[in-house]
Amino acid sequence: MIKRILVALDPDSDSRVATQYAVQIAQQSDARITGLAVVDTRSIEASS
């Protein structure tokens, strides 16, 4: 039985699909979802 689901969140379009899939699984198994923000530090440093 799945109790917890970890989903990586980033600007990529795959994150939206992964989040929707995680929600479906969580609803079926009464699991909790945790979002993990993925930060591109190189991009942030380059623009500052």
PDB file of N, CA and C in Angstrom:
ATOM      1  N   MET A   1       0.831  -1.182   0.000  1.00  0.00           N
ATOM      2  CA  MET A   1       0.000   0.000   0.000  1.00  0.00           C
ATOM      3  C   MET A   1       0.880   1.251   0.000  1.00  0.00           C
ATOM      4  N   ILE A   2       0.547   2.181  -0.844  1.00  0.00           N
ATOM      5  CA  ILE A   2       1.292   3.430  -0.949  1.00  0.00           C
ATOM      6  C   ILE A   2       0.772   4.398   0.108  1.00  0.00           C
ATOM      7  N   LYS A   3       1.699   4.966   0.882  1.00  0.00           N
ATOM      8  CA  LYS A   3       1.310   5.922   1.921  1.00  0.00           C
ATOM      9  C   LYS A   3       1.721   7.343   1.581  1.00  0.00           C
ATOM     10  N   ARG A   4       2.865   7.477   0.895  1.00  0.00           N
ATOM     11  CA  ARG A   4       3.387   8.802   0.570  1.00  0.00           C
ATOM     12  C   ARG A   4       3.890   8.816  -0.870  1.00  0.00           C
ATOM     13  N   ILE A   5       3.709   9.967  -1.513  1.00  0.00           N
ATOM     14  CA  ILE A   5       4.156  10.149  -2.891  1.00  0.00           C
ATOM     15  C   ILE A   5       4.965  11.435  -2.951  1.00  0.00           C
ATOM     16  N   LEU A   6       6.134  11.362  -3.546  1.00  0.00           N
ATOM     17  CA  LEU A   6       7.002  12.527  -3.718  1.00  0.00           C
ATOM     18  C   LEU A   6       6.991  12.913  -5.196  1.00  0.00           C
ATOM     19  N   VAL A   7       6.658  14.183  -5.472  1.00  0.00           N
ATOM     20  CA  VAL A   7       6.595  14.662  -6.851  1.00  0.00           C
ATOM     21  C   VAL A   7       7.554  15.837  -7.005  1.00  0.00           C
ATOM     22  N   ALA A   8       8.428  15.742  -8.005  1.00  0.00           N
ATOM     23  CA  ALA A   8       9.349  16.846  -8.303  1.00  0.00           C
ATOM     24  C   ALA A   8       8.597  17.911  -9.089  1.00  0.00           C
ATOM     25  N   LEU A   9       8.721  19.164  -8.660  1.00  0.00           N
ATOM     26  CA  LEU A   9       8.042  20.289  -9.305  1.00  0.00           C
ATOM     27  C   LEU A   9       9.072  21.202  -9.952  1.00  0.00           C
ATOM     28  N   ASP A  10       8.967  21.359 -11.254  1.00  0.00           N
ATOM     29  CA  ASP A  10       9.832  22.273 -11.988  1.00  0.00           C
ATOM     30  C   ASP A  10       9.037  22.841 -13.155  1.00  0.00           C
ATOM     31  N   PRO A  11       9.598  23.767 -13.908  1.00  0.00           N
ATOM     32  CA  PRO A  11       8.837  24.401 -14.996  1.00  0.00           C
ATOM     33  C   PRO A  11       8.552  23.477 -16.190  1.00  0.00           C
ATOM     34  N   ASP A  12       9.111  22.309 -16.199  1.00  0.00           N
ATOM     35  CA  ASP A  12       8.929  21.374 -17.310  1.00  0.00           C
ATOM     36  C   ASP A  12       7.475  20.909 -17.399  1.00  0.00           C
ATOM     37  N   SER A  13       7.020  20.602 -18.606  1.00  0.00           N
ATOM     38  CA  SER A  13       5.633  20.154 -18.788  1.00  0.00           C
ATOM     39  C   SER A  13       5.383  18.782 -18.165  1.00  0.00           C
ATOM     40  N   ASP A  14       6.429  18.011 -17.961  1.00  0.00           N
ATOM     41  CA  ASP A  14       6.269  16.685 -17.357  1.00  0.00           C
ATOM     42  C   ASP A  14       5.830  16.773 -15.896  1.00  0.00           C
ATOM     43  N   SER A  15       6.141  17.859 -15.235  1.00  0.00           N
ATOM     44  CA  SER A  15       5.742  18.031 -13.836  1.00  0.00           C
ATOM     45  C   SER A  15       4.224  18.047 -13.693  1.00  0.00           C
ATOM     46  N   ARG A  16       3.564  18.673 -14.625  1.00  0.00           N
ATOM     47  CA  ARG A  16       2.096  18.728 -14.582  1.00  0.00           C
ATOM     48  C   ARG A  16       1.506  17.325 -14.723  1.00  0.00           C
ATOM     49  N   VAL A  17       2.031  16.548 -15.641  1.00  0.00           N
ATOM     50  CA  VAL A  17       1.552  15.183 -15.847  1.00  0.00           C
ATOM     51  C   VAL A  17       1.845  14.336 -14.613  1.00  0.00           C
ATOM     52  N   ALA A  18       3.043  14.465 -14.064  1.00  0.00           N
ATOM     53  CA  ALA A  18       3.422  13.698 -12.877  1.00  0.00           C
ATOM     54  C   ALA A  18       2.539  14.067 -11.686  1.00  0.00           C
ATOM     55  N   THR A  19       2.210  15.345 -11.547  1.00  0.00           N
ATOM     56  CA  THR A  19       1.352  15.785 -10.448  1.00  0.00           C
ATOM     57  C   THR A  19      -0.053  15.218 -10.594  1.00  0.00           C
ATOM     58  N   GLN A  20      -0.593  15.257 -11.787  1.00  0.00           N
ATOM     59  CA  GLN A  20      -1.933  14.704 -12.022  1.00  0.00           C
ATOM     60  C   GLN A  20      -1.957  13.206 -11.737  1.00  0.00           C
ATOM     61  N   TYR A  21      -0.928  12.502 -12.161  1.00  0.00           N
ATOM     62  CA  TYR A  21      -0.830  11.069 -11.912  1.00  0.00           C
ATOM     63  C   TYR A  21      -0.709  10.782 -10.414  1.00  0.00           C
ATOM     64  N   ALA A  22       0.080  11.590  -9.724  1.00  0.00           N
ATOM     65  CA  ALA A  22       0.242  11.427  -8.274  1.00  0.00           C
ATOM     66  C   ALA A  22      -1.082  11.643  -7.551  1.00  0.00           C
ATOM     67  N   VAL A  23      -1.863  12.613  -7.994  1.00  0.00           N
ATOM     68  CA  VAL A  23      -3.164  12.867  -7.381  1.00  0.00           C
ATOM     69  C   VAL A  23      -4.088  11.668  -7.569  1.00  0.00           C
ATOM     70  N   GLN A  24      -4.092  11.097  -8.751  1.00  0.00           N
ATOM     71  CA  GLN A  24      -4.920   9.915  -9.009  1.00  0.00           C
ATOM     72  C   GLN A  24      -4.538   8.763  -8.093  1.00  0.00           C
ATOM     73  N   ILE A  25      -3.246   8.512  -7.986  1.00  0.00           N
ATOM     74  CA  ILE A  25      -2.774   7.424  -7.128  1.00  0.00           C
ATOM     75  C   ILE A  25      -3.109   7.704  -5.672  1.00  0.00           C
ATOM     76  N   ALA A  26      -2.919   8.949  -5.252  1.00  0.00           N
ATOM     77  CA  ALA A  26      -3.195   9.325  -3.865  1.00  0.00           C
ATOM     78  C   ALA A  26      -4.672   9.137  -3.524  1.00  0.00           C
ATOM     79  N   GLN A  27      -5.544   9.496  -4.443  1.00  0.00           N
ATOM     80  CA  GLN A  27      -6.974   9.331  -4.198  1.00  0.00           C
ATOM     81  C   GLN A  27      -7.350   7.854  -4.077  1.00  0.00           C
ATOM     82  N   GLN A  28      -6.734   7.015  -4.879  1.00  0.00           N
ATOM     83  CA  GLN A  28      -7.039   5.587  -4.861  1.00  0.00           C
ATOM     84  C   GLN A  28      -6.499   4.893  -3.624  1.00  0.00           C
ATOM     85  N   SER A  29      -5.376   5.367  -3.124  1.00  0.00           N
ATOM     86  CA  SER A  29      -4.713   4.655  -2.025  1.00  0.00           C
ATOM     87  C   SER A  29      -4.711   5.442  -0.716  1.00  0.00           C
ATOM     88  N   ASP A  30      -5.396   6.583  -0.687  1.00  0.00           N
ATOM     89  CA  ASP A  30      -5.453   7.430   0.505  1.00  0.00           C
ATOM     90  C   ASP A  30      -4.049   7.837   0.967  1.00  0.00           C
ATOM     91  N   ALA A  31      -3.203   8.182  -0.010  1.00  0.00           N
ATOM     92  CA  ALA A  31      -1.815   8.564   0.266  1.00  0.00           C
ATOM     93  C   ALA A  31      -1.690  10.083   0.354  1.00  0.00           C
ATOM     94  N   ARG A  32      -0.580  10.533   0.893  1.00  0.00           N
ATOM     95  CA  ARG A  32      -0.261  11.964   0.963  1.00  0.00           C
ATOM     96  C   ARG A  32       0.775  12.289  -0.100  1.00  0.00           C
ATOM     97  N   ILE A  33       0.657  13.492  -0.655  1.00  0.00           N
ATOM     98  CA  ILE A  33       1.590  13.941  -1.692  1.00  0.00           C
ATOM     99  C   ILE A  33       2.463  15.051  -1.125  1.00  0.00           C
ATOM    100  N   THR A  34       3.754  14.961  -1.409  1.00  0.00           N
ATOM    101  CA  THR A  34       4.694  16.016  -1.055  1.00  0.00           C
ATOM    102  C   THR A  34       5.338  16.508  -2.348  1.00  0.00           C
ATOM    103  N   GLY A  35       5.336  17.814  -2.549  1.00  0.00           N
ATOM    104  CA  GLY A  35       5.981  18.402  -3.716  1.00  0.00           C
ATOM    105  C   GLY A  35       7.395  18.841  -3.366  1.00  0.00           C
ATOM    106  N   LEU A  36       8.333  18.524  -4.235  1.00  0.00           N
ATOM    107  CA  LEU A  36       9.734  18.896  -4.054  1.00  0.00           C
ATOM    108  C   LEU A  36      10.099  19.879  -5.158  1.00  0.00           C
ATOM    109  N   ALA A  37      10.400  21.114  -4.779  1.00  0.00           N
ATOM    110  CA  ALA A  37      10.763  22.127  -5.773  1.00  0.00           C
ATOM    111  C   ALA A  37      12.181  21.889  -6.279  1.00  0.00           C
ATOM    112  N   VAL A  38      12.316  21.868  -7.583  1.00  0.00           N
ATOM    113  CA  VAL A  38      13.616  21.701  -8.222  1.00  0.00           C
ATOM    114  C   VAL A  38      14.061  23.080  -8.699  1.00  0.00           C
ATOM    115  N   VAL A  39      15.224  23.536  -8.226  1.00  0.00           N
ATOM    116  CA  VAL A  39      15.703  24.873  -8.542  1.00  0.00           C
ATOM    117  C   VAL A  39      16.997  24.769  -9.363  1.00  0.00           C
ATOM    118  N   ASP A  40      17.018  25.458 -10.495  1.00  0.00           N
ATOM    119  CA  ASP A  40      18.193  25.494 -11.353  1.00  0.00           C
ATOM    120  C   ASP A  40      19.085  26.662 -10.892  1.00  0.00           C
ATOM    121  N   THR A  41      20.007  26.386  -9.994  1.00  0.00           N
ATOM    122  CA  THR A  41      20.832  27.453  -9.428  1.00  0.00           C
ATOM    123  C   THR A  41      21.763  28.079 -10.462  1.00  0.00           C
ATOM    124  N   ARG A  42      22.199  27.316 -11.431  1.00  0.00           N
ATOM    125  CA  ARG A  42      23.064  27.884 -12.488  1.00  0.00           C
ATOM    126  C   ARG A  42      22.346  28.978 -13.264  1.00  0.00           C
ATOM    127  N   SER A  43      21.084  28.717 -13.573  1.00  0.00           N
ATOM    128  CA  SER A  43      20.296  29.698 -14.313  1.00  0.00           C
ATOM    129  C   SER A  43      20.067  30.960 -13.477  1.00  0.00           C
ATOM    130  N   ILE A  44      19.828  30.789 -12.195  1.00  0.00           N
ATOM    131  CA  ILE A  44      19.610  31.921 -11.307  1.00  0.00           C
ATOM    132  C   ILE A  44      20.893  32.744 -11.175  1.00  0.00           C
ATOM    133  N   GLU A  45      22.019  32.077 -10.987  1.00  0.00           N
ATOM    134  CA  GLU A  45      23.287  32.793 -10.867  1.00  0.00           C
ATOM    135  C   GLU A  45      23.662  33.503 -12.152  1.00  0.00           C
ATOM    136  N   ALA A  46      23.373  32.910 -13.286  1.00  0.00           N
ATOM    137  CA  ALA A  46      23.718  33.505 -14.572  1.00  0.00           C
ATOM    138  C   ALA A  46      22.917  34.779 -14.834  1.00  0.00           C
ATOM    139  N   SER A  47      21.682  34.831 -14.358  1.00  0.00           N
ATOM    140  CA  SER A  47      20.856  35.997 -14.618  1.00  0.00           C
ATOM    141  C   SER A  47      20.990  37.103 -13.571  1.00  0.00           C
ATOM    142  N   SER A  48      21.784  36.844 -12.531  1.00  0.00           N
ATOM    143  CA  SER A  48      21.926  37.891 -11.506  1.00  0.00           C
ATOM    144  C   SER A  48      23.283  38.564 -11.576  1.00  0.00           C
TER     145      SER A  48
END
